[in-house]
Amino acid sequence: MTSVAQTSESLENDLTQSINGYVGYDIPGIRSKTDRNLKEFLFKKLQQAEKDLSLFEHQVYQQHKTANLNPFHRISLSLKMLIQSLNEPFPEDHQFFSETKINPDKISQLYEYDVQLVNQVEILLDEVQELDNINGEYEIDQALNHFYDLLDGINQLMSEREFLLMSE
């Protein structure tokens, strides 16, 4: 077994254990199901982050009526756009989902993107949970800027993943 195949198999195993219904990209008939299940998993996690951030924003406003809420709005908009992009499925009739043989390197790259997406979203959720431990407007601004950077990274990964799916 090649190193690429071993890495790909390891990543796939991690994903199948983390995501309900994630069955991999090896079989043409189930690729779209795996893609859909990944996106549903990320969608639900990001909706939770959006809900938690909204509650935190409300708390900040209640405590600091003069707080600058622009960073919250910027993050909220970024989250909404990301959630919406996950809600719009990749066309199931796309060549990637029906092609019988796909380059193993492409599948390995796809698993890498999927693992990175799951990890980045989990990091975001973990850090959103830590917001209750933050005091002061400066620390809040720093955390919000960090969230925006995380969301930007997740968006970038999603774009690169979609380009990989569309590539020949």
N, C-alpha and C. Protein backbone atom coordinates (compact mmCIF):
# COMPACT_ATOMS: atom_id res chain seq x y z
N MET A 1 0.85 -1.17 0.00
CA MET A 1 0.00 0.00 0.00
C MET A 1 0.89 1.24 0.00
N THR A 2 0.59 2.18 -0.84
CA THR A 2 1.41 3.37 -0.93
C THR A 2 1.15 4.28 0.26
N SER A 3 2.05 5.22 0.45
CA SER A 3 1.91 6.18 1.53
C SER A 3 0.66 7.04 1.34
N VAL A 4 0.40 7.45 0.08
CA VAL A 4 -0.79 8.25 -0.21
C VAL A 4 -2.05 7.46 0.14
N ALA A 5 -2.07 6.19 -0.23
CA ALA A 5 -3.24 5.35 0.05
C ALA A 5 -3.42 5.17 1.56
N GLN A 6 -2.32 4.98 2.29
CA GLN A 6 -2.41 4.83 3.74
C GLN A 6 -2.92 6.11 4.39
N THR A 7 -2.39 7.24 3.97
CA THR A 7 -2.82 8.52 4.50
C THR A 7 -4.29 8.75 4.19
N SER A 8 -4.67 8.49 2.96
CA SER A 8 -6.06 8.66 2.54
C SER A 8 -6.99 7.79 3.37
N GLU A 9 -6.61 6.54 3.58
CA GLU A 9 -7.42 5.62 4.37
C GLU A 9 -7.53 6.08 5.82
N SER A 10 -6.45 6.57 6.37
CA SER A 10 -6.43 7.06 7.75
C SER A 10 -7.36 8.27 7.90
N LEU A 11 -7.27 9.20 6.96
CA LEU A 11 -8.13 10.39 7.00
C LEU A 11 -9.59 10.00 6.84
N GLU A 12 -9.85 9.08 5.92
CA GLU A 12 -11.23 8.62 5.70
C GLU A 12 -11.78 7.98 6.98
N ASN A 13 -10.98 7.17 7.65
CA ASN A 13 -11.42 6.54 8.89
C ASN A 13 -11.75 7.58 9.96
N ASP A 14 -10.91 8.60 10.08
CA ASP A 14 -11.17 9.68 11.04
C ASP A 14 -12.51 10.35 10.74
N LEU A 15 -12.76 10.60 9.47
CA LEU A 15 -13.99 11.28 9.07
C LEU A 15 -15.22 10.40 9.27
N THR A 16 -15.11 9.11 8.95
CA THR A 16 -16.27 8.22 9.12
C THR A 16 -16.62 8.06 10.60
N GLN A 17 -15.64 8.20 11.46
CA GLN A 17 -15.92 8.11 12.90
C GLN A 17 -16.51 9.41 13.44
N SER A 18 -16.21 10.52 12.81
CA SER A 18 -16.67 11.83 13.29
C SER A 18 -18.02 12.24 12.72
N ILE A 19 -18.30 11.83 11.50
CA ILE A 19 -19.48 12.33 10.78
C ILE A 19 -20.42 11.18 10.46
N ASN A 20 -21.61 11.28 10.96
CA ASN A 20 -22.63 10.28 10.68
C ASN A 20 -22.95 10.26 9.18
N GLY A 21 -22.85 9.09 8.57
CA GLY A 21 -23.18 8.94 7.16
C GLY A 21 -22.04 9.25 6.20
N TYR A 22 -20.88 9.58 6.72
CA TYR A 22 -19.72 9.85 5.87
C TYR A 22 -19.14 8.50 5.47
N VAL A 23 -19.20 8.20 4.15
CA VAL A 23 -18.78 6.88 3.70
C VAL A 23 -17.64 6.91 2.69
N GLY A 24 -17.09 8.06 2.43
CA GLY A 24 -15.93 8.15 1.55
C GLY A 24 -16.27 8.49 0.11
N TYR A 25 -15.22 8.58 -0.70
CA TYR A 25 -15.35 9.01 -2.09
C TYR A 25 -14.92 7.94 -3.09
N ASP A 26 -14.66 6.74 -2.61
CA ASP A 26 -14.17 5.70 -3.50
C ASP A 26 -15.22 5.17 -4.47
N ILE A 27 -16.46 5.08 -4.03
CA ILE A 27 -17.52 4.50 -4.86
C ILE A 27 -18.35 5.63 -5.48
N PRO A 28 -18.45 5.65 -6.81
CA PRO A 28 -19.16 6.75 -7.49
C PRO A 28 -20.57 7.01 -6.97
N GLY A 29 -21.34 5.98 -6.72
CA GLY A 29 -22.73 6.16 -6.31
C GLY A 29 -22.93 6.79 -4.96
N ILE A 30 -21.91 6.80 -4.12
CA ILE A 30 -22.08 7.36 -2.77
C ILE A 30 -21.29 8.63 -2.52
N ARG A 31 -20.58 9.10 -3.53
CA ARG A 31 -19.78 10.33 -3.34
C ARG A 31 -20.66 11.52 -2.98
N SER A 32 -21.79 11.66 -3.66
CA SER A 32 -22.65 12.81 -3.38
C SER A 32 -23.24 12.70 -1.97
N LYS A 33 -23.50 11.48 -1.50
CA LYS A 33 -24.01 11.29 -0.13
C LYS A 33 -22.96 11.73 0.88
N THR A 34 -21.72 11.35 0.66
CA THR A 34 -20.64 11.76 1.55
C THR A 34 -20.50 13.27 1.57
N ASP A 35 -20.52 13.88 0.39
CA ASP A 35 -20.42 15.34 0.29
C ASP A 35 -21.56 16.00 1.05
N ARG A 36 -22.76 15.51 0.85
CA ARG A 36 -23.94 16.07 1.50
C ARG A 36 -23.85 15.91 3.03
N ASN A 37 -23.41 14.73 3.49
CA ASN A 37 -23.32 14.50 4.94
C ASN A 37 -22.25 15.37 5.59
N LEU A 38 -21.13 15.57 4.89
CA LEU A 38 -20.10 16.47 5.40
C LEU A 38 -20.67 17.88 5.54
N LYS A 39 -21.34 18.34 4.52
CA LYS A 39 -21.87 19.70 4.54
C LYS A 39 -22.95 19.86 5.60
N GLU A 40 -23.78 18.85 5.79
CA GLU A 40 -24.80 18.91 6.84
C GLU A 40 -24.15 18.97 8.22
N PHE A 41 -23.10 18.20 8.41
CA PHE A 41 -22.36 18.21 9.68
C PHE A 41 -21.80 19.60 9.95
N LEU A 42 -21.12 20.17 8.97
CA LEU A 42 -20.53 21.51 9.12
C LEU A 42 -21.63 22.56 9.30
N PHE A 43 -22.71 22.42 8.56
CA PHE A 43 -23.85 23.34 8.63
C PHE A 43 -24.38 23.41 10.05
N LYS A 44 -24.63 22.26 10.67
CA LYS A 44 -25.17 22.22 12.03
C LYS A 44 -24.20 22.82 13.04
N LYS A 45 -22.93 22.51 12.88
CA LYS A 45 -21.92 23.04 13.80
C LYS A 45 -21.83 24.56 13.69
N LEU A 46 -21.85 25.07 12.47
CA LEU A 46 -21.75 26.51 12.28
C LEU A 46 -23.02 27.23 12.73
N GLN A 47 -24.17 26.58 12.59
CA GLN A 47 -25.40 27.17 13.12
C GLN A 47 -25.31 27.30 14.64
N GLN A 48 -24.72 26.31 15.29
CA GLN A 48 -24.54 26.37 16.74
C GLN A 48 -23.60 27.52 17.10
N ALA A 49 -22.53 27.67 16.35
CA ALA A 49 -21.60 28.78 16.60
C ALA A 49 -22.31 30.12 16.42
N GLU A 50 -23.13 30.22 15.39
CA GLU A 50 -23.87 31.46 15.14
C GLU A 50 -24.82 31.76 16.31
N LYS A 51 -25.50 30.75 16.80
CA LYS A 51 -26.42 30.92 17.92
C LYS A 51 -25.66 31.36 19.17
N ASP A 52 -24.56 30.70 19.47
CA ASP A 52 -23.77 31.03 20.65
C ASP A 52 -23.18 32.44 20.56
N LEU A 53 -22.70 32.81 19.39
CA LEU A 53 -22.16 34.17 19.21
C LEU A 53 -23.25 35.22 19.36
N SER A 54 -24.43 34.92 18.87
CA SER A 54 -25.55 35.85 19.00
C SER A 54 -25.91 36.07 20.48
N LEU A 55 -25.92 34.99 21.24
CA LEU A 55 -26.20 35.10 22.68
C LEU A 55 -25.11 35.92 23.37
N PHE A 56 -23.86 35.69 22.99
CA PHE A 56 -22.76 36.44 23.57
C PHE A 56 -22.86 37.91 23.20
N GLU A 57 -23.21 38.19 21.96
CA GLU A 57 -23.38 39.58 21.53
C GLU A 57 -24.44 40.28 22.38
N HIS A 58 -25.51 39.59 22.64
CA HIS A 58 -26.59 40.16 23.46
C HIS A 58 -26.08 40.45 24.88
N GLN A 59 -25.29 39.52 25.43
CA GLN A 59 -24.72 39.72 26.77
C GLN A 59 -23.79 40.93 26.80
N VAL A 60 -22.96 41.04 25.79
CA VAL A 60 -22.03 42.17 25.72
C VAL A 60 -22.80 43.48 25.64
N TYR A 61 -23.83 43.49 24.83
CA TYR A 61 -24.63 44.71 24.70
C TYR A 61 -25.29 45.07 26.03
N GLN A 62 -25.79 44.06 26.74
CA GLN A 62 -26.44 44.32 28.04
C GLN A 62 -25.44 44.87 29.06
N GLN A 63 -24.20 44.39 29.03
CA GLN A 63 -23.20 44.82 29.99
C GLN A 63 -22.52 46.12 29.60
N HIS A 64 -22.31 46.32 28.31
CA HIS A 64 -21.59 47.49 27.80
C HIS A 64 -22.43 48.13 26.70
N LYS A 65 -23.38 48.92 27.09
CA LYS A 65 -24.31 49.51 26.12
C LYS A 65 -23.58 50.33 25.04
N THR A 66 -22.37 50.76 25.33
CA THR A 66 -21.62 51.56 24.36
C THR A 66 -20.63 50.73 23.55
N ALA A 67 -20.68 49.41 23.70
CA ALA A 67 -19.71 48.53 23.02
C ALA A 67 -19.86 48.65 21.50
N ASN A 68 -18.74 48.53 20.83
CA ASN A 68 -18.73 48.53 19.37
C ASN A 68 -19.20 47.15 18.89
N LEU A 69 -20.36 47.11 18.29
CA LEU A 69 -20.93 45.83 17.84
C LEU A 69 -20.60 45.52 16.38
N ASN A 70 -19.84 46.38 15.72
CA ASN A 70 -19.49 46.12 14.33
C ASN A 70 -18.77 44.79 14.11
N PRO A 71 -17.82 44.43 14.96
CA PRO A 71 -17.17 43.12 14.75
C PRO A 71 -18.17 41.95 14.81
N PHE A 72 -19.16 42.05 15.69
CA PHE A 72 -20.18 41.01 15.76
C PHE A 72 -20.94 40.91 14.43
N HIS A 73 -21.29 42.05 13.89
CA HIS A 73 -22.05 42.06 12.63
C HIS A 73 -21.21 41.50 11.48
N ARG A 74 -19.94 41.84 11.48
CA ARG A 74 -19.04 41.33 10.43
C ARG A 74 -18.92 39.81 10.52
N ILE A 75 -18.78 39.29 11.73
CA ILE A 75 -18.68 37.84 11.93
C ILE A 75 -20.01 37.18 11.60
N SER A 76 -21.08 37.79 12.02
CA SER A 76 -22.40 37.24 11.75
C SER A 76 -22.65 37.13 10.25
N LEU A 77 -22.28 38.15 9.52
CA LEU A 77 -22.45 38.12 8.06
C LEU A 77 -21.58 37.03 7.44
N SER A 78 -20.34 36.92 7.89
CA SER A 78 -19.44 35.90 7.37
C SER A 78 -19.98 34.50 7.67
N LEU A 79 -20.49 34.30 8.87
CA LEU A 79 -21.07 33.01 9.24
C LEU A 79 -22.30 32.70 8.39
N LYS A 80 -23.16 33.68 8.21
CA LYS A 80 -24.36 33.47 7.40
C LYS A 80 -24.01 33.08 5.96
N MET A 81 -23.02 33.74 5.41
CA MET A 81 -22.60 33.42 4.03
C MET A 81 -22.03 32.00 3.96
N LEU A 82 -21.24 31.62 4.94
CA LEU A 82 -20.66 30.28 4.97
C LEU A 82 -21.75 29.23 5.14
N ILE A 83 -22.67 29.47 6.06
CA ILE A 83 -23.77 28.54 6.28
C ILE A 83 -24.61 28.40 5.02
N GLN A 84 -24.87 29.51 4.36
CA GLN A 84 -25.65 29.46 3.11
C GLN A 84 -24.92 28.66 2.04
N SER A 85 -23.62 28.82 1.95
CA SER A 85 -22.87 28.07 0.93
C SER A 85 -22.92 26.58 1.21
N LEU A 86 -22.97 26.19 2.47
CA LEU A 86 -23.08 24.78 2.82
C LEU A 86 -24.48 24.24 2.54
N ASN A 87 -25.44 25.12 2.58
CA ASN A 87 -26.82 24.72 2.34
C ASN A 87 -27.12 24.53 0.86
N GLU A 88 -26.27 25.08 0.01
CA GLU A 88 -26.43 24.93 -1.44
C GLU A 88 -25.58 23.76 -1.90
N PRO A 89 -26.22 22.64 -2.20
CA PRO A 89 -25.45 21.44 -2.54
C PRO A 89 -24.69 21.58 -3.86
N PHE A 90 -23.60 20.86 -3.92
CA PHE A 90 -22.84 20.76 -5.15
C PHE A 90 -23.70 19.97 -6.13
N PRO A 91 -23.76 20.33 -7.39
CA PRO A 91 -24.63 19.61 -8.34
C PRO A 91 -24.33 18.11 -8.36
N GLU A 92 -25.35 17.31 -8.06
CA GLU A 92 -25.16 15.86 -7.98
C GLU A 92 -24.86 15.23 -9.33
N ASP A 93 -25.17 15.94 -10.40
CA ASP A 93 -24.87 15.38 -11.72
C ASP A 93 -23.47 15.76 -12.19
N HIS A 94 -22.70 16.39 -11.31
CA HIS A 94 -21.34 16.77 -11.68
C HIS A 94 -20.51 15.53 -11.94
N GLN A 95 -19.58 15.63 -12.83
CA GLN A 95 -18.73 14.53 -13.26
C GLN A 95 -18.04 13.83 -12.08
N PHE A 96 -17.64 14.58 -11.07
CA PHE A 96 -16.93 13.98 -9.94
C PHE A 96 -17.75 12.88 -9.27
N PHE A 97 -19.05 13.09 -9.16
CA PHE A 97 -19.89 12.13 -8.45
C PHE A 97 -20.18 10.87 -9.25
N SER A 98 -20.05 10.94 -10.56
CA SER A 98 -20.37 9.77 -11.39
C SER A 98 -19.15 9.10 -12.03
N GLU A 99 -18.03 9.79 -12.05
CA GLU A 99 -16.82 9.24 -12.68
C GLU A 99 -16.42 7.94 -11.99
N THR A 100 -16.10 6.93 -12.81
CA THR A 100 -15.78 5.61 -12.23
C THR A 100 -14.41 5.57 -11.58
N LYS A 101 -13.44 6.22 -12.16
CA LYS A 101 -12.07 6.19 -11.63
C LYS A 101 -11.60 7.62 -11.39
N ILE A 102 -11.23 7.90 -10.16
CA ILE A 102 -10.70 9.21 -9.80
C ILE A 102 -9.30 9.02 -9.29
N ASN A 103 -8.44 9.92 -9.66
CA ASN A 103 -7.04 9.89 -9.24
C ASN A 103 -6.97 9.79 -7.71
N PRO A 104 -6.25 8.81 -7.18
CA PRO A 104 -6.13 8.66 -5.72
C PRO A 104 -5.57 9.91 -5.02
N ASP A 105 -4.71 10.66 -5.72
CA ASP A 105 -4.19 11.90 -5.12
C ASP A 105 -5.31 12.92 -4.91
N LYS A 106 -6.24 12.97 -5.85
CA LYS A 106 -7.37 13.89 -5.73
C LYS A 106 -8.25 13.49 -4.55
N ILE A 107 -8.51 12.22 -4.41
CA ILE A 107 -9.32 11.74 -3.29
C ILE A 107 -8.60 12.02 -1.97
N SER A 108 -7.30 11.78 -1.94
CA SER A 108 -6.52 12.06 -0.74
C SER A 108 -6.58 13.54 -0.38
N GLN A 109 -6.45 14.40 -1.38
CA GLN A 109 -6.55 15.85 -1.14
C GLN A 109 -7.92 16.20 -0.60
N LEU A 110 -8.94 15.58 -1.14
CA LEU A 110 -10.30 15.85 -0.70
C LEU A 110 -10.47 15.46 0.77
N TYR A 111 -9.94 14.31 1.16
CA TYR A 111 -10.00 13.91 2.57
C TYR A 111 -9.25 14.91 3.44
N GLU A 112 -8.12 15.40 2.96
CA GLU A 112 -7.36 16.39 3.72
C GLU A 112 -8.18 17.66 3.93
N TYR A 113 -8.84 18.13 2.88
CA TYR A 113 -9.70 19.31 3.01
C TYR A 113 -10.83 19.04 4.00
N ASP A 114 -11.44 17.87 3.89
CA ASP A 114 -12.56 17.56 4.79
C ASP A 114 -12.10 17.53 6.24
N VAL A 115 -10.96 16.92 6.51
CA VAL A 115 -10.43 16.88 7.87
C VAL A 115 -10.11 18.29 8.36
N GLN A 116 -9.49 19.10 7.51
CA GLN A 116 -9.16 20.47 7.91
C GLN A 116 -10.43 21.26 8.21
N LEU A 117 -11.46 21.09 7.39
CA LEU A 117 -12.73 21.79 7.63
C LEU A 117 -13.33 21.39 8.96
N VAL A 118 -13.40 20.10 9.21
CA VAL A 118 -13.94 19.62 10.48
C VAL A 118 -13.13 20.17 11.65
N ASN A 119 -11.82 20.11 11.54
CA ASN A 119 -10.96 20.61 12.62
C ASN A 119 -11.13 22.11 12.86
N GLN A 120 -11.19 22.88 11.78
CA GLN A 120 -11.33 24.34 11.92
C GLN A 120 -12.68 24.70 12.54
N VAL A 121 -13.73 24.00 12.14
CA VAL A 121 -15.05 24.28 12.70
C VAL A 121 -15.08 23.89 14.18
N GLU A 122 -14.45 22.78 14.53
CA GLU A 122 -14.37 22.37 15.94
C GLU A 122 -13.59 23.39 16.76
N ILE A 123 -12.51 23.92 16.21
CA ILE A 123 -11.73 24.96 16.89
C ILE A 123 -12.60 26.19 17.12
N LEU A 124 -13.34 26.58 16.10
CA LEU A 124 -14.23 27.73 16.22
C LEU A 124 -15.24 27.50 17.34
N LEU A 125 -15.87 26.34 17.35
CA LEU A 125 -16.86 26.05 18.40
C LEU A 125 -16.23 26.05 19.79
N ASP A 126 -15.05 25.46 19.92
CA ASP A 126 -14.37 25.45 21.21
C ASP A 126 -14.07 26.86 21.69
N GLU A 127 -13.63 27.69 20.78
CA GLU A 127 -13.27 29.05 21.17
C GLU A 127 -14.50 29.92 21.44
N VAL A 128 -15.58 29.65 20.75
CA VAL A 128 -16.83 30.36 21.05
C VAL A 128 -17.28 30.02 22.47
N GLN A 129 -17.10 28.76 22.86
CA GLN A 129 -17.47 28.35 24.22
C GLN A 129 -16.63 29.07 25.28
N GLU A 130 -15.43 29.47 24.92
CA GLU A 130 -14.54 30.15 25.86
C GLU A 130 -14.86 31.64 26.01
N LEU A 131 -15.79 32.16 25.23
CA LEU A 131 -16.10 33.58 25.31
C LEU A 131 -16.59 34.01 26.68
N ASP A 132 -17.25 33.12 27.38
CA ASP A 132 -17.76 33.48 28.71
C ASP A 132 -16.63 33.79 29.69
N ASN A 133 -15.42 33.34 29.39
CA ASN A 133 -14.27 33.58 30.28
C ASN A 133 -13.53 34.87 29.95
N ILE A 134 -13.99 35.59 28.96
CA ILE A 134 -13.30 36.81 28.52
C ILE A 134 -13.88 38.03 29.23
N ASN A 135 -12.99 38.89 29.66
CA ASN A 135 -13.41 40.13 30.32
C ASN A 135 -12.86 41.31 29.53
N GLY A 136 -13.60 42.34 29.47
CA GLY A 136 -13.11 43.58 28.88
C GLY A 136 -13.30 43.65 27.38
N GLU A 137 -13.54 44.85 26.92
CA GLU A 137 -13.82 45.07 25.50
C GLU A 137 -12.62 44.77 24.61
N TYR A 138 -11.40 45.04 25.10
CA TYR A 138 -10.22 44.76 24.28
C TYR A 138 -10.10 43.27 24.00
N GLU A 139 -10.26 42.45 25.04
CA GLU A 139 -10.17 41.00 24.87
C GLU A 139 -11.28 40.49 23.96
N ILE A 140 -12.46 41.07 24.07
CA ILE A 140 -13.58 40.69 23.21
C ILE A 140 -13.24 41.01 21.76
N ASP A 141 -12.72 42.22 21.53
CA ASP A 141 -12.34 42.60 20.16
C ASP A 141 -11.29 41.66 19.59
N GLN A 142 -10.30 41.30 20.41
CA GLN A 142 -9.25 40.37 19.97
C GLN A 142 -9.86 39.01 19.60
N ALA A 143 -10.75 38.51 20.44
CA ALA A 143 -11.39 37.21 20.18
C ALA A 143 -12.22 37.28 18.91
N LEU A 144 -12.95 38.36 18.72
CA LEU A 144 -13.80 38.49 17.54
C LEU A 144 -12.97 38.58 16.26
N ASN A 145 -11.85 39.29 16.33
CA ASN A 145 -10.96 39.34 15.16
C ASN A 145 -10.41 37.94 14.85
N HIS A 146 -10.11 37.20 15.89
CA HIS A 146 -9.63 35.83 15.70
C HIS A 146 -10.73 34.97 15.06
N PHE A 147 -11.98 35.12 15.51
CA PHE A 147 -13.09 34.37 14.91
C PHE A 147 -13.24 34.71 13.44
N TYR A 148 -13.09 35.98 13.14
CA TYR A 148 -13.21 36.38 11.74
C TYR A 148 -12.12 35.71 10.90
N ASP A 149 -10.91 35.65 11.44
CA ASP A 149 -9.81 34.98 10.74
C ASP A 149 -10.10 33.49 10.56
N LEU A 150 -10.64 32.85 11.60
CA LEU A 150 -11.00 31.43 11.49
C LEU A 150 -12.05 31.22 10.40
N LEU A 151 -13.06 32.07 10.39
CA LEU A 151 -14.11 31.95 9.37
C LEU A 151 -13.56 32.18 7.97
N ASP A 152 -12.65 33.13 7.86
CA ASP A 152 -12.01 33.39 6.57
C ASP A 152 -11.24 32.15 6.11
N GLY A 153 -10.55 31.50 7.04
CA GLY A 153 -9.82 30.27 6.72
C GLY A 153 -10.75 29.14 6.31
N ILE A 154 -11.88 29.01 6.99
CA ILE A 154 -12.86 27.98 6.64
C ILE A 154 -13.43 28.26 5.25
N ASN A 155 -13.73 29.52 4.98
CA ASN A 155 -14.22 29.89 3.64
C ASN A 155 -13.19 29.56 2.57
N GLN A 156 -11.94 29.84 2.85
CA GLN A 156 -10.86 29.54 1.90
C GLN A 156 -10.77 28.04 1.64
N LEU A 157 -10.82 27.25 2.71
CA LEU A 157 -10.78 25.79 2.55
C LEU A 157 -11.97 25.29 1.73
N MET A 158 -13.14 25.84 2.00
CA MET A 158 -14.33 25.43 1.23
C MET A 158 -14.15 25.75 -0.26
N SER A 159 -13.62 26.92 -0.55
CA SER A 159 -13.41 27.31 -1.95
C SER A 159 -12.40 26.39 -2.63
N GLU A 160 -11.29 26.12 -1.95
CA GLU A 160 -10.28 25.24 -2.52
C GLU A 160 -10.84 23.83 -2.73
N ARG A 161 -11.66 23.38 -1.81
CA ARG A 161 -12.29 22.06 -1.91
C ARG A 161 -13.21 22.02 -3.13
N GLU A 162 -14.02 23.05 -3.29
CA GLU A 162 -14.94 23.11 -4.43
C GLU A 162 -14.18 23.14 -5.76
N PHE A 163 -13.09 23.88 -5.81
CA PHE A 163 -12.26 23.90 -7.03
C PHE A 163 -11.69 22.52 -7.32
N LEU A 164 -11.29 21.82 -6.27
CA LEU A 164 -10.77 20.47 -6.45
C LEU A 164 -11.86 19.55 -7.01
N LEU A 165 -13.07 19.67 -6.49
CA LEU A 165 -14.17 18.84 -7.01
C LEU A 165 -14.46 19.14 -8.47
N MET A 166 -14.32 20.38 -8.86
CA MET A 166 -14.62 20.77 -10.25
C MET A 166 -13.49 20.45 -11.22
N SER A 167 -12.30 20.24 -10.69
CA SER A 167 -11.15 20.01 -11.58
C SER A 167 -11.26 18.67 -12.29
N GLU A 168 -10.65 18.61 -13.43
CA GLU A 168 -10.66 17.38 -14.25
C GLU A 168 -9.60 16.42 -13.79
